[in-house]
N, C-alpha and C. Protein backbone atom coordinates (compact mmCIF):
# COMPACT_ATOMS: atom_id res chain seq x y z
N UNK A 1 6.34 5.75 -3.14
CA UNK A 1 7.37 5.98 -3.89
C UNK A 1 7.15 5.47 -5.34
N UNK A 2 7.55 6.15 -6.34
CA UNK A 2 7.28 5.66 -7.61
C UNK A 2 8.10 4.50 -8.10
N UNK A 3 7.67 3.50 -8.88
CA UNK A 3 8.23 2.33 -9.28
C UNK A 3 9.42 2.47 -10.22
N UNK A 4 9.30 3.31 -11.23
CA UNK A 4 10.38 3.50 -12.19
C UNK A 4 11.23 4.71 -11.82
N UNK A 5 10.64 5.78 -11.38
CA UNK A 5 11.34 7.03 -11.00
C UNK A 5 11.16 7.23 -9.54
N UNK A 6 12.21 6.98 -8.77
CA UNK A 6 12.10 6.92 -7.30
C UNK A 6 11.91 8.32 -6.62
N UNK A 7 10.81 8.87 -6.89
CA UNK A 7 10.39 10.11 -6.23
C UNK A 7 9.09 9.76 -5.56
N UNK A 8 8.76 10.65 -4.48
CA UNK A 8 7.65 10.48 -3.59
C UNK A 8 6.44 11.32 -4.21
N UNK A 9 5.36 10.65 -4.33
CA UNK A 9 4.16 11.31 -4.82
C UNK A 9 3.00 10.94 -3.98
N UNK A 10 2.00 11.91 -3.84
CA UNK A 10 0.70 11.49 -3.11
C UNK A 10 -0.06 10.62 -4.10
N UNK A 11 -0.70 9.57 -3.41
CA UNK A 11 -1.53 8.73 -4.20
C UNK A 11 -2.76 8.55 -3.26
N UNK A 12 -3.97 8.27 -3.93
CA UNK A 12 -5.23 7.89 -3.23
C UNK A 12 -5.47 6.45 -3.38
N UNK A 13 -5.43 5.73 -2.29
CA UNK A 13 -5.63 4.21 -2.38
C UNK A 13 -7.01 3.83 -2.03
N UNK A 14 -7.49 2.80 -2.76
CA UNK A 14 -8.76 2.24 -2.55
C UNK A 14 -8.66 0.77 -2.31
N UNK A 15 -9.07 0.31 -1.18
CA UNK A 15 -8.96 -1.07 -0.82
C UNK A 15 -10.41 -1.61 -1.37
N UNK A 16 -10.43 -2.63 -2.13
CA UNK A 16 -11.62 -3.30 -2.60
C UNK A 16 -11.62 -4.78 -2.29
N UNK A 17 -12.33 -5.17 -1.21
CA UNK A 17 -12.40 -6.44 -0.74
C UNK A 17 -13.05 -7.33 -1.71
N UNK A 18 -14.01 -6.98 -2.49
CA UNK A 18 -14.78 -7.77 -3.45
C UNK A 18 -13.96 -8.04 -4.65
N UNK A 19 -13.19 -7.09 -5.11
CA UNK A 19 -12.24 -7.30 -6.35
C UNK A 19 -10.94 -7.85 -5.84
N UNK A 20 -10.69 -7.80 -4.66
CA UNK A 20 -9.32 -8.34 -3.96
C UNK A 20 -8.27 -7.53 -4.52
N UNK A 21 -8.34 -6.17 -4.57
CA UNK A 21 -7.38 -5.32 -5.10
C UNK A 21 -7.10 -4.05 -4.13
N UNK A 22 -5.94 -3.49 -4.42
CA UNK A 22 -5.62 -2.19 -3.77
C UNK A 22 -5.27 -1.38 -4.89
N UNK A 23 -6.26 -0.43 -5.38
CA UNK A 23 -5.95 0.44 -6.56
C UNK A 23 -5.48 1.80 -6.08
N UNK A 24 -4.73 2.36 -6.95
CA UNK A 24 -4.44 3.77 -6.53
C UNK A 24 -4.50 4.76 -7.78
N UNK A 25 -4.83 5.92 -7.31
CA UNK A 25 -5.03 7.09 -8.21
C UNK A 25 -4.23 8.26 -7.87
N UNK A 26 -4.15 9.28 -8.78
CA UNK A 26 -3.26 10.46 -8.64
C UNK A 26 -3.98 11.29 -7.43
N UNK A 27 -5.21 11.28 -7.37
CA UNK A 27 -5.96 11.87 -6.22
C UNK A 27 -7.37 11.34 -6.03
N UNK A 28 -8.05 11.77 -5.03
CA UNK A 28 -9.46 11.15 -4.81
C UNK A 28 -10.56 11.49 -5.86
N UNK A 29 -10.26 12.58 -6.69
CA UNK A 29 -11.23 12.87 -7.63
C UNK A 29 -10.91 12.23 -8.95
N UNK A 30 -9.88 11.58 -9.16
CA UNK A 30 -9.35 10.93 -10.35
C UNK A 30 -10.17 9.66 -10.64
N UNK A 31 -10.56 9.34 -11.86
CA UNK A 31 -11.28 8.21 -12.22
C UNK A 31 -10.32 7.13 -12.78
N UNK A 32 -9.25 7.67 -13.44
CA UNK A 32 -8.33 6.67 -14.04
C UNK A 32 -7.29 6.22 -13.12
N UNK A 33 -7.22 4.83 -12.99
CA UNK A 33 -6.14 4.24 -12.09
C UNK A 33 -4.81 4.48 -12.46
N UNK A 34 -3.81 4.71 -11.53
CA UNK A 34 -2.59 4.82 -11.79
C UNK A 34 -1.80 3.46 -11.81
N UNK A 35 -2.50 2.58 -10.98
CA UNK A 35 -2.03 1.17 -10.77
C UNK A 35 -2.86 0.48 -9.85
N UNK A 36 -2.52 -0.90 -9.80
CA UNK A 36 -3.32 -1.81 -9.01
C UNK A 36 -2.38 -2.91 -8.29
N UNK A 37 -2.69 -3.15 -7.06
CA UNK A 37 -1.94 -4.29 -6.39
C UNK A 37 -3.09 -5.32 -6.10
N UNK A 38 -2.78 -6.56 -6.67
CA UNK A 38 -3.72 -7.66 -6.39
C UNK A 38 -3.33 -8.40 -5.08
N UNK A 39 -4.29 -8.67 -4.36
CA UNK A 39 -4.14 -9.32 -3.15
C UNK A 39 -3.28 -10.51 -3.19
N UNK A 40 -3.51 -11.46 -4.28
CA UNK A 40 -2.81 -12.55 -4.37
C UNK A 40 -1.27 -12.42 -4.73
N UNK A 41 -0.99 -11.21 -5.14
CA UNK A 41 0.41 -11.01 -5.45
C UNK A 41 1.25 -10.48 -4.21
N UNK A 42 0.54 -10.18 -3.11
CA UNK A 42 1.12 -9.58 -1.96
C UNK A 42 1.85 -10.77 -1.11
N UNK A 43 3.11 -10.46 -0.94
CA UNK A 43 3.84 -11.55 -0.17
C UNK A 43 4.08 -11.11 1.30
N UNK A 44 4.24 -9.83 1.48
CA UNK A 44 4.60 -9.37 2.79
C UNK A 44 4.18 -7.79 2.95
N UNK A 45 3.82 -7.36 4.14
CA UNK A 45 3.56 -6.01 4.55
C UNK A 45 4.31 -5.76 5.81
N UNK A 46 5.30 -4.95 5.72
CA UNK A 46 6.12 -4.66 6.95
C UNK A 46 6.52 -3.06 7.16
N UNK A 47 6.91 -2.87 8.35
CA UNK A 47 7.23 -1.61 8.68
C UNK A 47 8.86 -1.47 8.21
N UNK A 48 9.14 -0.31 7.52
CA UNK A 48 10.40 -0.16 6.98
C UNK A 48 11.54 0.18 7.95
N UNK A 49 11.71 -0.78 8.87
CA UNK A 49 12.63 -0.48 9.99
C UNK A 49 14.21 -0.50 9.44
N UNK A 50 14.39 -0.97 8.29
CA UNK A 50 15.91 -0.88 7.83
C UNK A 50 16.06 0.41 7.06
N UNK A 51 14.91 1.31 6.86
CA UNK A 51 15.02 2.52 6.21
C UNK A 51 15.46 2.24 4.67
N UNK A 52 14.81 1.40 4.01
CA UNK A 52 15.17 1.10 2.66
C UNK A 52 14.56 2.12 1.72
N UNK A 53 13.47 2.75 2.07
CA UNK A 53 12.84 3.67 1.27
C UNK A 53 13.62 5.01 1.13
N UNK A 54 14.10 5.13 -0.10
CA UNK A 54 15.03 6.20 -0.39
C UNK A 54 14.43 7.67 0.03
N UNK A 55 15.08 8.40 0.85
CA UNK A 55 14.71 9.69 1.22
C UNK A 55 13.19 9.86 1.59
N UNK A 56 12.68 8.97 2.33
CA UNK A 56 11.31 9.09 2.68
C UNK A 56 10.97 10.34 3.47
N UNK A 57 9.83 11.02 3.16
CA UNK A 57 9.51 12.23 3.81
C UNK A 57 9.15 12.01 5.29
N UNK A 58 8.96 10.86 5.74
CA UNK A 58 8.74 10.52 7.14
C UNK A 58 9.12 9.06 7.40
N UNK A 59 10.42 8.85 7.69
CA UNK A 59 10.78 7.35 7.87
C UNK A 59 10.06 6.67 8.91
N UNK A 60 9.66 7.33 9.96
CA UNK A 60 8.82 6.51 11.09
C UNK A 60 7.51 6.18 10.65
N UNK A 61 7.01 6.60 9.55
CA UNK A 61 5.62 6.33 9.13
C UNK A 61 5.66 5.67 7.76
N UNK A 62 6.91 5.09 7.40
CA UNK A 62 7.16 4.50 6.07
C UNK A 62 6.87 2.92 6.31
N UNK A 63 5.99 2.33 5.54
CA UNK A 63 6.00 0.88 5.49
C UNK A 63 5.93 0.31 4.02
N UNK A 64 6.17 -0.92 3.95
CA UNK A 64 6.34 -1.69 2.53
C UNK A 64 5.28 -2.72 2.29
N UNK A 65 4.87 -2.70 0.99
CA UNK A 65 4.06 -3.70 0.57
C UNK A 65 4.79 -4.52 -0.51
N UNK A 66 5.34 -5.79 -0.14
CA UNK A 66 6.06 -6.54 -1.12
C UNK A 66 5.34 -7.40 -2.01
N UNK A 67 5.22 -7.35 -3.30
CA UNK A 67 4.62 -8.24 -4.26
C UNK A 67 5.65 -9.07 -4.92
N UNK A 68 5.16 -9.97 -5.76
CA UNK A 68 5.98 -10.77 -6.60
C UNK A 68 7.01 -9.85 -7.56
N UNK A 69 6.44 -8.67 -7.99
CA UNK A 69 7.03 -8.01 -8.99
C UNK A 69 7.90 -6.72 -8.45
N UNK A 70 7.37 -6.25 -7.26
CA UNK A 70 8.14 -5.05 -6.80
C UNK A 70 7.82 -4.79 -5.25
N UNK A 71 8.50 -3.89 -4.63
CA UNK A 71 8.13 -3.48 -3.35
C UNK A 71 7.71 -2.03 -3.47
N UNK A 72 6.44 -1.89 -2.85
CA UNK A 72 5.87 -0.51 -2.80
C UNK A 72 6.18 0.15 -1.42
N UNK A 73 6.80 1.31 -1.45
CA UNK A 73 7.03 1.97 -0.13
C UNK A 73 6.02 3.02 0.00
N UNK A 74 5.36 3.08 1.13
CA UNK A 74 4.42 4.07 1.44
C UNK A 74 4.46 4.77 2.70
N UNK A 75 4.03 5.93 2.82
CA UNK A 75 4.13 6.74 3.98
C UNK A 75 2.73 7.08 4.38
N UNK A 76 2.37 6.79 5.66
CA UNK A 76 1.01 7.05 6.12
C UNK A 76 1.00 8.51 6.68
N UNK A 77 -0.13 9.07 7.02
CA UNK A 77 -0.33 10.34 7.56
C UNK A 77 -0.05 10.46 9.01
N UNK A 78 -0.28 9.23 9.75
CA UNK A 78 -0.13 9.18 11.19
C UNK A 78 0.21 7.81 11.45
N UNK A 79 0.69 7.53 12.82
CA UNK A 79 0.99 6.16 13.39
C UNK A 79 -0.24 5.22 13.26
N UNK A 80 -1.41 5.90 13.56
CA UNK A 80 -2.65 5.11 13.65
C UNK A 80 -3.20 4.82 12.21
N UNK A 81 -2.92 5.67 11.25
CA UNK A 81 -3.31 5.44 9.82
C UNK A 81 -2.36 4.19 9.34
N UNK A 82 -1.05 4.33 9.60
CA UNK A 82 -0.14 3.25 9.17
C UNK A 82 -0.42 1.97 9.80
N UNK A 83 -0.91 1.84 10.97
CA UNK A 83 -1.23 0.61 11.61
C UNK A 83 -2.51 -0.09 10.99
N UNK A 84 -3.54 0.80 10.77
CA UNK A 84 -4.80 0.49 10.10
C UNK A 84 -4.53 -0.14 8.75
N UNK A 85 -3.70 0.69 7.94
CA UNK A 85 -3.54 0.24 6.59
C UNK A 85 -2.74 -1.00 6.52
N UNK A 86 -1.72 -1.17 7.31
CA UNK A 86 -1.00 -2.33 7.30
C UNK A 86 -1.90 -3.51 7.74
N UNK A 87 -2.75 -3.36 8.71
CA UNK A 87 -3.60 -4.44 9.07
C UNK A 87 -4.63 -4.85 8.01
N UNK A 88 -5.26 -3.89 7.47
CA UNK A 88 -6.16 -4.04 6.37
C UNK A 88 -5.62 -4.75 5.15
N UNK A 89 -4.30 -4.34 4.80
CA UNK A 89 -3.72 -4.99 3.54
C UNK A 89 -3.38 -6.44 3.92
N UNK A 90 -2.78 -6.71 5.05
CA UNK A 90 -2.36 -7.97 5.48
C UNK A 90 -3.61 -8.94 5.55
N UNK A 91 -4.79 -8.38 6.16
CA UNK A 91 -6.05 -9.23 6.18
C UNK A 91 -6.50 -9.50 4.78
N UNK A 92 -6.50 -8.43 3.89
CA UNK A 92 -6.99 -8.76 2.45
C UNK A 92 -6.13 -9.77 1.86
N UNK A 93 -4.71 -9.61 1.91
CA UNK A 93 -3.80 -10.58 1.42
C UNK A 93 -3.84 -11.92 1.79
N UNK A 94 -4.32 -12.19 3.09
CA UNK A 94 -4.47 -13.46 3.68
C UNK A 94 -5.71 -14.11 3.33
N UNK A 95 -6.59 -13.33 2.52
CA UNK A 95 -7.88 -13.88 1.94
C UNK A 95 -8.88 -14.14 2.97
N UNK A 96 -8.98 -13.25 3.96
CA UNK A 96 -9.88 -13.38 5.06
C UNK A 96 -11.30 -12.80 4.53
N UNK A 97 -11.86 -13.35 3.72
CA UNK A 97 -13.17 -12.98 3.07
C UNK A 97 -14.33 -13.43 3.91
N UNK A 98 -14.12 -14.23 4.93
CA UNK A 98 -15.22 -14.69 5.79
C UNK A 98 -15.71 -13.62 6.69
N UNK A 99 -15.10 -12.44 6.66
CA UNK A 99 -15.66 -11.33 7.38
C UNK A 99 -16.73 -10.59 6.67
N UNK A 100 -16.93 -10.93 5.44
CA UNK A 100 -17.91 -10.24 4.66
C UNK A 100 -19.31 -10.53 5.22
N UNK A 101 -20.22 -9.57 5.39
CA UNK A 101 -21.51 -9.80 5.82
C UNK A 101 -22.61 -9.67 4.82
């Protein structure tokens, strides 16, 4: 869901463990970033059980990434994808870089 205008848009997310960022683009072919979430800014990642995300296209697959500045509401394409993304974002935010090989 957009930050200023609260409408739902598809975004392509790229998790970068080395840069410690979660960057997002309009689509997977786009080279210009729409925005970035820095791992150190992430306070919490949680399932949207309170249904705070306004008019989510799929409330059961909606989760939130809370940073110092805002709450990002995201909808995963499947329950498995939601679990994986939430786990990966939490792991990155916790600074678990010792998994790097």
